[in-house]
Structures are given as C-alpha cells and as structure tokens.
Amino acid sequence: MLYEYLLDTFGTNEPISVSDIKYGGYSRPWIDKELSKLCKSKKIVRYERGIYYIPSQTPFGASVLNPNKIIKYKYMIDLQYKCNTKKE
C-alpha cells in the first residue's frame, strides 16, 4: 500500500514531495488520488500544494511539520544540486 511505502521511504514529520514518489509503475494521477484518500483518512497531511507529511502522534494530538524542514528541503537541496552540477 502507498502509505507503508511513504512511511518506510520518508518517515514521519519529513516533507514528501509528490515528484519524489516512485511507487511501482503507477501514474501520477493515481498517486494524486491515493494521496487525497490518505489525507481524507488523516493518515497524511497536505502541507502545501505538492508537499505532504506523515504526522506523528503526540500527547497534544498530531504533530505539525516544522517550516524550516520545508525551507531546507525546497531550497537547500535545490541549491546543492545546482552547485554540484558542471556548467558546460
């Protein structure tokens, strides 16, 4: 099931970009529908368009994703990729 794949691959409280999901040979529309179902069942949370996370349970309820993780994920990884590529 997609939920187990996401949990094993990304873990809890980590950003999950839709573009990073490589689940079998399933198409992007199928993955989008499954993510929507998982959101409705509250197994995952949509942080923003294309970014999800699996919350962990705390004594105060479901955890919230730290915005610094999103910044690091979106910008630092992209910057690292750009810095490590050769310009020809």
PDB file of N, CA and C in Angstrom:
ATOM      1  N   MET A   1       0.840  -1.182   0.000  1.00  0.00           N
ATOM      2  CA  MET A   1       0.000   0.000   0.000  1.00  0.00           C
ATOM      3  C   MET A   1       0.887   1.248   0.000  1.00  0.00           C
ATOM      4  N   LEU A   2       0.392   2.307  -0.565  1.00  0.00           N
ATOM      5  CA  LEU A   2       1.156   3.544  -0.710  1.00  0.00           C
ATOM      6  C   LEU A   2       1.572   4.110   0.647  1.00  0.00           C
ATOM      7  N   TYR A   3       0.707   4.030   1.641  1.00  0.00           N
ATOM      8  CA  TYR A   3       1.020   4.589   2.956  1.00  0.00           C
ATOM      9  C   TYR A   3       2.276   3.933   3.554  1.00  0.00           C
ATOM     10  N   GLU A   4       2.374   2.617   3.479  1.00  0.00           N
ATOM     11  CA  GLU A   4       3.538   1.915   4.009  1.00  0.00           C
ATOM     12  C   GLU A   4       4.805   2.317   3.257  1.00  0.00           C
ATOM     13  N   TYR A   5       4.686   2.469   1.944  1.00  0.00           N
ATOM     14  CA  TYR A   5       5.827   2.911   1.141  1.00  0.00           C
ATOM     15  C   TYR A   5       6.296   4.298   1.596  1.00  0.00           C
ATOM     16  N   LEU A   6       5.352   5.217   1.784  1.00  0.00           N
ATOM     17  CA  LEU A   6       5.712   6.568   2.216  1.00  0.00           C
ATOM     18  C   LEU A   6       6.351   6.554   3.603  1.00  0.00           C
ATOM     19  N   LEU A   7       5.799   5.769   4.496  1.00  0.00           N
ATOM     20  CA  LEU A   7       6.328   5.676   5.850  1.00  0.00           C
ATOM     21  C   LEU A   7       7.743   5.090   5.853  1.00  0.00           C
ATOM     22  N   ASP A   8       7.957   4.037   5.087  1.00  0.00           N
ATOM     23  CA  ASP A   8       9.279   3.415   5.014  1.00  0.00           C
ATOM     24  C   ASP A   8      10.303   4.303   4.313  1.00  0.00           C
ATOM     25  N   THR A   9       9.882   4.989   3.272  1.00  0.00           N
ATOM     26  CA  THR A   9      10.805   5.786   2.473  1.00  0.00           C
ATOM     27  C   THR A   9      11.113   7.143   3.103  1.00  0.00           C
ATOM     28  N   PHE A  10      10.086   7.822   3.612  1.00  0.00           N
ATOM     29  CA  PHE A  10      10.270   9.192   4.087  1.00  0.00           C
ATOM     30  C   PHE A  10      10.204   9.327   5.606  1.00  0.00           C
ATOM     31  N   GLY A  11       9.481   8.446   6.280  1.00  0.00           N
ATOM     32  CA  GLY A  11       9.342   8.534   7.724  1.00  0.00           C
ATOM     33  C   GLY A  11       8.312   9.572   8.137  1.00  0.00           C
ATOM     34  N   THR A  12       8.224   9.817   9.445  1.00  0.00           N
ATOM     35  CA  THR A  12       7.255  10.785   9.959  1.00  0.00           C
ATOM     36  C   THR A  12       7.892  12.157  10.081  1.00  0.00           C
ATOM     37  N   ASN A  13       7.073  13.169   9.973  1.00  0.00           N
ATOM     38  CA  ASN A  13       7.477  14.572  10.125  1.00  0.00           C
ATOM     39  C   ASN A  13       8.591  14.992   9.182  1.00  0.00           C
ATOM     40  N   GLU A  14       8.589  14.436   7.996  1.00  0.00           N
ATOM     41  CA  GLU A  14       9.531  14.815   6.952  1.00  0.00           C
ATOM     42  C   GLU A  14       8.735  15.197   5.711  1.00  0.00           C
ATOM     43  N   PRO A  15       9.170  16.230   4.994  1.00  0.00           N
ATOM     44  CA  PRO A  15       8.442  16.625   3.789  1.00  0.00           C
ATOM     45  C   PRO A  15       8.492  15.548   2.714  1.00  0.00           C
ATOM     46  N   ILE A  16       7.357  15.347   2.072  1.00  0.00           N
ATOM     47  CA  ILE A  16       7.242  14.390   0.975  1.00  0.00           C
ATOM     48  C   ILE A  16       6.763  15.164  -0.244  1.00  0.00           C
ATOM     49  N   SER A  17       7.611  15.274  -1.228  1.00  0.00           N
ATOM     50  CA  SER A  17       7.226  15.933  -2.475  1.00  0.00           C
ATOM     51  C   SER A  17       6.612  14.897  -3.407  1.00  0.00           C
ATOM     52  N   VAL A  18       5.544  15.260  -4.060  1.00  0.00           N
ATOM     53  CA  VAL A  18       4.886  14.340  -4.989  1.00  0.00           C
ATOM     54  C   VAL A  18       5.861  13.896  -6.073  1.00  0.00           C
ATOM     55  N   SER A  19       6.746  14.788  -6.481  1.00  0.00           N
ATOM     56  CA  SER A  19       7.697  14.441  -7.545  1.00  0.00           C
ATOM     57  C   SER A  19       8.724  13.403  -7.091  1.00  0.00           C
ATOM     58  N   ASP A  20       8.893  13.224  -5.777  1.00  0.00           N
ATOM     59  CA  ASP A  20       9.842  12.244  -5.257  1.00  0.00           C
ATOM     60  C   ASP A  20       9.234  10.857  -5.064  1.00  0.00           C
ATOM     61  N   ILE A  21       7.938  10.722  -5.241  1.00  0.00           N
ATOM     62  CA  ILE A  21       7.274   9.443  -5.019  1.00  0.00           C
ATOM     63  C   ILE A  21       7.416   8.575  -6.269  1.00  0.00           C
ATOM     64  N   LYS A  22       8.118   7.467  -6.105  1.00  0.00           N
ATOM     65  CA  LYS A  22       8.303   6.494  -7.187  1.00  0.00           C
ATOM     66  C   LYS A  22       7.733   5.172  -6.687  1.00  0.00           C
ATOM     67  N   TYR A  23       6.459   4.983  -6.863  1.00  0.00           N
ATOM     68  CA  TYR A  23       5.770   3.811  -6.325  1.00  0.00           C
ATOM     69  C   TYR A  23       5.361   2.883  -7.452  1.00  0.00           C
ATOM     70  N   GLY A  24       6.136   1.825  -7.630  1.00  0.00           N
ATOM     71  CA  GLY A  24       5.829   0.859  -8.683  1.00  0.00           C
ATOM     72  C   GLY A  24       5.764   1.535 -10.039  1.00  0.00           C
ATOM     73  N   GLY A  25       4.867   1.097 -10.859  1.00  0.00           N
ATOM     74  CA  GLY A  25       4.685   1.697 -12.171  1.00  0.00           C
ATOM     75  C   GLY A  25       3.446   2.567 -12.234  1.00  0.00           C
ATOM     76  N   TYR A  26       2.996   3.035 -11.068  1.00  0.00           N
ATOM     77  CA  TYR A  26       1.746   3.790 -11.019  1.00  0.00           C
ATOM     78  C   TYR A  26       1.915   5.198 -11.576  1.00  0.00           C
ATOM     79  N   SER A  27       0.856   5.681 -12.203  1.00  0.00           N
ATOM     80  CA  SER A  27       0.882   7.004 -12.830  1.00  0.00           C
ATOM     81  C   SER A  27       0.699   8.110 -11.797  1.00  0.00           C
ATOM     82  N   ARG A  28       1.052   9.307 -12.194  1.00  0.00           N
ATOM     83  CA  ARG A  28       0.910  10.473 -11.316  1.00  0.00           C
ATOM     84  C   ARG A  28      -0.552  10.717 -10.919  1.00  0.00           C
ATOM     85  N   PRO A  29      -1.523  10.610 -11.837  1.00  0.00           N
ATOM     86  CA  PRO A  29      -2.923  10.787 -11.418  1.00  0.00           C
ATOM     87  C   PRO A  29      -3.361   9.761 -10.372  1.00  0.00           C
ATOM     88  N   TRP A  30      -2.900   8.518 -10.491  1.00  0.00           N
ATOM     89  CA  TRP A  30      -3.253   7.506  -9.499  1.00  0.00           C
ATOM     90  C   TRP A  30      -2.658   7.872  -8.142  1.00  0.00           C
ATOM     91  N   ILE A  31      -1.398   8.291  -8.134  1.00  0.00           N
ATOM     92  CA  ILE A  31      -0.737   8.684  -6.889  1.00  0.00           C
ATOM     93  C   ILE A  31      -1.457   9.871  -6.265  1.00  0.00           C
ATOM     94  N   ASP A  32      -1.862  10.848  -7.084  1.00  0.00           N
ATOM     95  CA  ASP A  32      -2.597  12.015  -6.573  1.00  0.00           C
ATOM     96  C   ASP A  32      -3.906  11.598  -5.903  1.00  0.00           C
ATOM     97  N   LYS A  33      -4.627  10.664  -6.516  1.00  0.00           N
ATOM     98  CA  LYS A  33      -5.885  10.188  -5.930  1.00  0.00           C
ATOM     99  C   LYS A  33      -5.641   9.471  -4.610  1.00  0.00           C
ATOM    100  N   GLU A  34      -4.607   8.646  -4.567  1.00  0.00           N
ATOM    101  CA  GLU A  34      -4.297   7.923  -3.336  1.00  0.00           C
ATOM    102  C   GLU A  34      -3.864   8.880  -2.227  1.00  0.00           C
ATOM    103  N   LEU A  35      -3.106   9.901  -2.575  1.00  0.00           N
ATOM    104  CA  LEU A  35      -2.707  10.895  -1.583  1.00  0.00           C
ATOM    105  C   LEU A  35      -3.929  11.631  -1.046  1.00  0.00           C
ATOM    106  N   SER A  36      -4.870  11.922  -1.915  1.00  0.00           N
ATOM    107  CA  SER A  36      -6.106  12.574  -1.491  1.00  0.00           C
ATOM    108  C   SER A  36      -6.877  11.696  -0.512  1.00  0.00           C
ATOM    109  N   LYS A  37      -6.960  10.397  -0.812  1.00  0.00           N
ATOM    110  CA  LYS A  37      -7.647   9.464   0.091  1.00  0.00           C
ATOM    111  C   LYS A  37      -6.943   9.396   1.445  1.00  0.00           C
ATOM    112  N   LEU A  38      -5.609   9.370   1.429  1.00  0.00           N
ATOM    113  CA  LEU A  38      -4.852   9.320   2.676  1.00  0.00           C
ATOM    114  C   LEU A  38      -5.039  10.603   3.495  1.00  0.00           C
ATOM    115  N   CYS A  39      -5.181  11.728   2.816  1.00  0.00           N
ATOM    116  CA  CYS A  39      -5.454  12.996   3.517  1.00  0.00           C
ATOM    117  C   CYS A  39      -6.835  12.965   4.166  1.00  0.00           C
ATOM    118  N   LYS A  40      -7.820  12.457   3.438  1.00  0.00           N
ATOM    119  CA  LYS A  40      -9.175  12.390   3.988  1.00  0.00           C
ATOM    120  C   LYS A  40      -9.247  11.466   5.195  1.00  0.00           C
ATOM    121  N   SER A  41      -8.441  10.408   5.185  1.00  0.00           N
ATOM    122  CA  SER A  41      -8.425   9.486   6.328  1.00  0.00           C
ATOM    123  C   SER A  41      -7.474   9.961   7.429  1.00  0.00           C
ATOM    124  N   LYS A  42      -6.840  11.117   7.221  1.00  0.00           N
ATOM    125  CA  LYS A  42      -5.939  11.757   8.196  1.00  0.00           C
ATOM    126  C   LYS A  42      -4.681  10.950   8.483  1.00  0.00           C
ATOM    127  N   LYS A  43      -4.281  10.096   7.546  1.00  0.00           N
ATOM    128  CA  LYS A  43      -3.014   9.378   7.701  1.00  0.00           C
ATOM    129  C   LYS A  43      -1.841  10.247   7.297  1.00  0.00           C
ATOM    130  N   ILE A  44      -2.058  11.132   6.315  1.00  0.00           N
ATOM    131  CA  ILE A  44      -1.049  12.103   5.928  1.00  0.00           C
ATOM    132  C   ILE A  44      -1.700  13.481   5.924  1.00  0.00           C
ATOM    133  N   VAL A  45      -0.856  14.502   5.893  1.00  0.00           N
ATOM    134  CA  VAL A  45      -1.344  15.878   5.906  1.00  0.00           C
ATOM    135  C   VAL A  45      -0.740  16.608   4.713  1.00  0.00           C
ATOM    136  N   ARG A  46      -1.563  17.392   4.034  1.00  0.00           N
ATOM    137  CA  ARG A  46      -1.068  18.218   2.939  1.00  0.00           C
ATOM    138  C   ARG A  46      -0.561  19.523   3.539  1.00  0.00           C
ATOM    139  N   TYR A  47       0.732  19.772   3.405  1.00  0.00           N
ATOM    140  CA  TYR A  47       1.329  20.992   3.937  1.00  0.00           C
ATOM    141  C   TYR A  47       1.065  22.163   2.997  1.00  0.00           C
ATOM    142  N   GLU A  48       1.328  21.932   1.725  1.00  0.00           N
ATOM    143  CA  GLU A  48       1.024  22.884   0.658  1.00  0.00           C
ATOM    144  C   GLU A  48       0.933  22.091  -0.629  1.00  0.00           C
ATOM    145  N   ARG A  49       0.651  22.748  -1.702  1.00  0.00           N
ATOM    146  CA  ARG A  49       0.486  22.048  -2.973  1.00  0.00           C
ATOM    147  C   ARG A  49       1.745  21.246  -3.321  1.00  0.00           C
ATOM    148  N   GLY A  50       1.575  19.941  -3.440  1.00  0.00           N
ATOM    149  CA  GLY A  50       2.673  19.059  -3.815  1.00  0.00           C
ATOM    150  C   GLY A  50       3.567  18.619  -2.672  1.00  0.00           C
ATOM    151  N   ILE A  51       3.319  19.095  -1.454  1.00  0.00           N
ATOM    152  CA  ILE A  51       4.127  18.735  -0.285  1.00  0.00           C
ATOM    153  C   ILE A  51       3.220  18.146   0.794  1.00  0.00           C
ATOM    154  N   TYR A  52       3.554  16.945   1.229  1.00  0.00           N
ATOM    155  CA  TYR A  52       2.790  16.244   2.259  1.00  0.00           C
ATOM    156  C   TYR A  52       3.740  15.809   3.363  1.00  0.00           C
ATOM    157  N   TYR A  53       3.176  15.355   4.482  1.00  0.00           N
ATOM    158  CA  TYR A  53       3.977  14.723   5.520  1.00  0.00           C
ATOM    159  C   TYR A  53       3.101  13.770   6.321  1.00  0.00           C
ATOM    160  N   ILE A  54       3.764  12.827   6.981  1.00  0.00           N
ATOM    161  CA  ILE A  54       3.079  11.870   7.848  1.00  0.00           C
ATOM    162  C   ILE A  54       3.267  12.362   9.280  1.00  0.00           C
ATOM    163  N   PRO A  55       2.191  12.776   9.940  1.00  0.00           N
ATOM    164  CA  PRO A  55       2.347  13.287  11.309  1.00  0.00           C
ATOM    165  C   PRO A  55       2.546  12.156  12.311  1.00  0.00           C
ATOM    166  N   SER A  56       3.281  12.466  13.356  1.00  0.00           N
ATOM    167  CA  SER A  56       3.387  11.520  14.468  1.00  0.00           C
ATOM    168  C   SER A  56       2.397  11.961  15.537  1.00  0.00           C
ATOM    169  N   GLN A  57       2.014  11.037  16.382  1.00  0.00           N
ATOM    170  CA  GLN A  57       1.063  11.361  17.445  1.00  0.00           C
ATOM    171  C   GLN A  57       1.824  11.805  18.694  1.00  0.00           C
ATOM    172  N   THR A  58       1.397  12.926  19.247  1.00  0.00           N
ATOM    173  CA  THR A  58       1.972  13.456  20.474  1.00  0.00           C
ATOM    174  C   THR A  58       0.874  13.469  21.536  1.00  0.00           C
ATOM    175  N   PRO A  59       1.233  13.746  22.783  1.00  0.00           N
ATOM    176  CA  PRO A  59       0.193  13.855  23.813  1.00  0.00           C
ATOM    177  C   PRO A  59      -0.828  14.962  23.527  1.00  0.00           C
ATOM    178  N   PHE A  60      -0.451  15.906  22.661  1.00  0.00           N
ATOM    179  CA  PHE A  60      -1.326  17.022  22.338  1.00  0.00           C
ATOM    180  C   PHE A  60      -2.054  16.852  21.006  1.00  0.00           C
ATOM    181  N   GLY A  61      -1.889  15.704  20.372  1.00  0.00           N
ATOM    182  CA  GLY A  61      -2.527  15.441  19.087  1.00  0.00           C
ATOM    183  C   GLY A  61      -1.480  15.198  18.006  1.00  0.00           C
ATOM    184  N   ALA A  62      -1.887  15.357  16.766  1.00  0.00           N
ATOM    185  CA  ALA A  62      -0.980  15.129  15.641  1.00  0.00           C
ATOM    186  C   ALA A  62       0.067  16.230  15.578  1.00  0.00           C
ATOM    187  N   SER A  63       1.286  15.836  15.220  1.00  0.00           N
ATOM    188  CA  SER A  63       2.372  16.803  15.116  1.00  0.00           C
ATOM    189  C   SER A  63       2.185  17.704  13.900  1.00  0.00           C
ATOM    190  N   VAL A  64       2.908  18.804  13.904  1.00  0.00           N
ATOM    191  CA  VAL A  64       2.886  19.764  12.805  1.00  0.00           C
ATOM    192  C   VAL A  64       4.287  19.812  12.215  1.00  0.00           C
ATOM    193  N   LEU A  65       4.373  19.890  10.916  1.00  0.00           N
ATOM    194  CA  LEU A  65       5.663  19.918  10.242  1.00  0.00           C
ATOM    195  C   LEU A  65       6.359  21.247  10.478  1.00  0.00           C
ATOM    196  N   ASN A  66       7.623  21.182  10.814  1.00  0.00           N
ATOM    197  CA  ASN A  66       8.432  22.374  11.043  1.00  0.00           C
ATOM    198  C   ASN A  66       8.683  23.076   9.703  1.00  0.00           C
ATOM    199  N   PRO A  67       8.346  24.358   9.586  1.00  0.00           N
ATOM    200  CA  PRO A  67       8.562  25.076   8.317  1.00  0.00           C
ATOM    201  C   PRO A  67      10.026  25.114   7.889  1.00  0.00           C
ATOM    202  N   ASN A  68      10.956  25.043   8.841  1.00  0.00           N
ATOM    203  CA  ASN A  68      12.377  25.037   8.482  1.00  0.00           C
ATOM    204  C   ASN A  68      12.747  23.813   7.666  1.00  0.00           C
ATOM    205  N   LYS A  69      12.068  22.703   7.895  1.00  0.00           N
ATOM    206  CA  LYS A  69      12.321  21.492   7.104  1.00  0.00           C
ATOM    207  C   LYS A  69      11.904  21.704   5.655  1.00  0.00           C
ATOM    208  N   ILE A  70      10.823  22.435   5.467  1.00  0.00           N
ATOM    209  CA  ILE A  70      10.362  22.730   4.105  1.00  0.00           C
ATOM    210  C   ILE A  70      11.366  23.632   3.400  1.00  0.00           C
ATOM    211  N   ILE A  71      11.824  24.644   4.098  1.00  0.00           N
ATOM    212  CA  ILE A  71      12.800  25.562   3.507  1.00  0.00           C
ATOM    213  C   ILE A  71      14.065  24.802   3.135  1.00  0.00           C
ATOM    214  N   LYS A  72      14.544  23.990   4.043  1.00  0.00           N
ATOM    215  CA  LYS A  72      15.747  23.207   3.778  1.00  0.00           C
ATOM    216  C   LYS A  72      15.523  22.270   2.599  1.00  0.00           C
ATOM    217  N   TYR A  73      14.382  21.607   2.598  1.00  0.00           N
ATOM    218  CA  TYR A  73      14.080  20.647   1.537  1.00  0.00           C
ATOM    219  C   TYR A  73      13.979  21.335   0.174  1.00  0.00           C
ATOM    220  N   LYS A  74      13.222  22.430   0.112  1.00  0.00           N
ATOM    221  CA  LYS A  74      12.955  23.075  -1.171  1.00  0.00           C
ATOM    222  C   LYS A  74      14.146  23.857  -1.714  1.00  0.00           C
ATOM    223  N   TYR A  75      14.882  24.508  -0.827  1.00  0.00           N
ATOM    224  CA  TYR A  75      15.902  25.434  -1.305  1.00  0.00           C
ATOM    225  C   TYR A  75      17.329  24.931  -1.124  1.00  0.00           C
ATOM    226  N   MET A  76      17.621  24.309  -0.025  1.00  0.00           N
ATOM    227  CA  MET A  76      18.987  23.851   0.205  1.00  0.00           C
ATOM    228  C   MET A  76      19.335  22.670  -0.692  1.00  0.00           C
ATOM    229  N   ILE A  77      18.426  21.743  -0.859  1.00  0.00           N
ATOM    230  CA  ILE A  77      18.682  20.592  -1.721  1.00  0.00           C
ATOM    231  C   ILE A  77      18.810  21.069  -3.166  1.00  0.00           C
ATOM    232  N   ASP A  78      17.943  21.975  -3.578  1.00  0.00           N
ATOM    233  CA  ASP A  78      17.999  22.510  -4.933  1.00  0.00           C
ATOM    234  C   ASP A  78      19.301  23.271  -5.149  1.00  0.00           C
ATOM    235  N   LEU A  79      19.710  24.058  -4.180  1.00  0.00           N
ATOM    236  CA  LEU A  79      20.945  24.815  -4.279  1.00  0.00           C
ATOM    237  C   LEU A  79      22.139  23.874  -4.330  1.00  0.00           C
ATOM    238  N   GLN A  80      22.123  22.822  -3.523  1.00  0.00           N
ATOM    239  CA  GLN A  80      23.205  21.847  -3.521  1.00  0.00           C
ATOM    240  C   GLN A  80      23.307  21.174  -4.885  1.00  0.00           C
ATOM    241  N   TYR A  81      22.169  20.849  -5.479  1.00  0.00           N
ATOM    242  CA  TYR A  81      22.169  20.221  -6.799  1.00  0.00           C
ATOM    243  C   TYR A  81      22.765  21.171  -7.837  1.00  0.00           C
ATOM    244  N   LYS A  82      22.361  22.427  -7.791  1.00  0.00           N
ATOM    245  CA  LYS A  82      22.854  23.409  -8.752  1.00  0.00           C
ATOM    246  C   LYS A  82      24.347  23.656  -8.589  1.00  0.00           C
ATOM    247  N   CYS A  83      24.832  23.646  -7.355  1.00  0.00           N
ATOM    248  CA  CYS A  83      26.258  23.894  -7.091  1.00  0.00           C
ATOM    249  C   CYS A  83      27.126  22.719  -7.516  1.00  0.00           C
ATOM    250  N   ASN A  84      26.582  21.520  -7.474  1.00  0.00           N
ATOM    251  CA  ASN A  84      27.373  20.329  -7.792  1.00  0.00           C
ATOM    252  C   ASN A  84      27.341  19.946  -9.258  1.00  0.00           C
ATOM    253  N   THR A  85      26.522  20.597 -10.059  1.00  0.00           N
ATOM    254  CA  THR A  85      26.463  20.254 -11.475  1.00  0.00           C
ATOM    255  C   THR A  85      27.495  21.059 -12.251  1.00  0.00           C
ATOM    256  N   LYS A  86      28.010  20.450 -13.280  1.00  0.00           N
ATOM    257  CA  LYS A  86      29.019  21.125 -14.112  1.00  0.00           C
ATOM    258  C   LYS A  86      28.310  22.022 -15.117  1.00  0.00           C
ATOM    259  N   LYS A  87      28.879  23.182 -15.313  1.00  0.00           N
ATOM    260  CA  LYS A  87      28.377  24.077 -16.357  1.00  0.00           C
ATOM    261  C   LYS A  87      29.285  23.952 -17.557  1.00  0.00           C
ATOM    262  N   GLU A  88      28.690  23.641 -18.670  1.00  0.00           N
ATOM    263  CA  GLU A  88      29.486  23.440 -19.885  1.00  0.00           C
ATOM    264  C   GLU A  88      29.228  24.523 -20.880  1.00  0.00           C
TER     265      GLU A  88
END
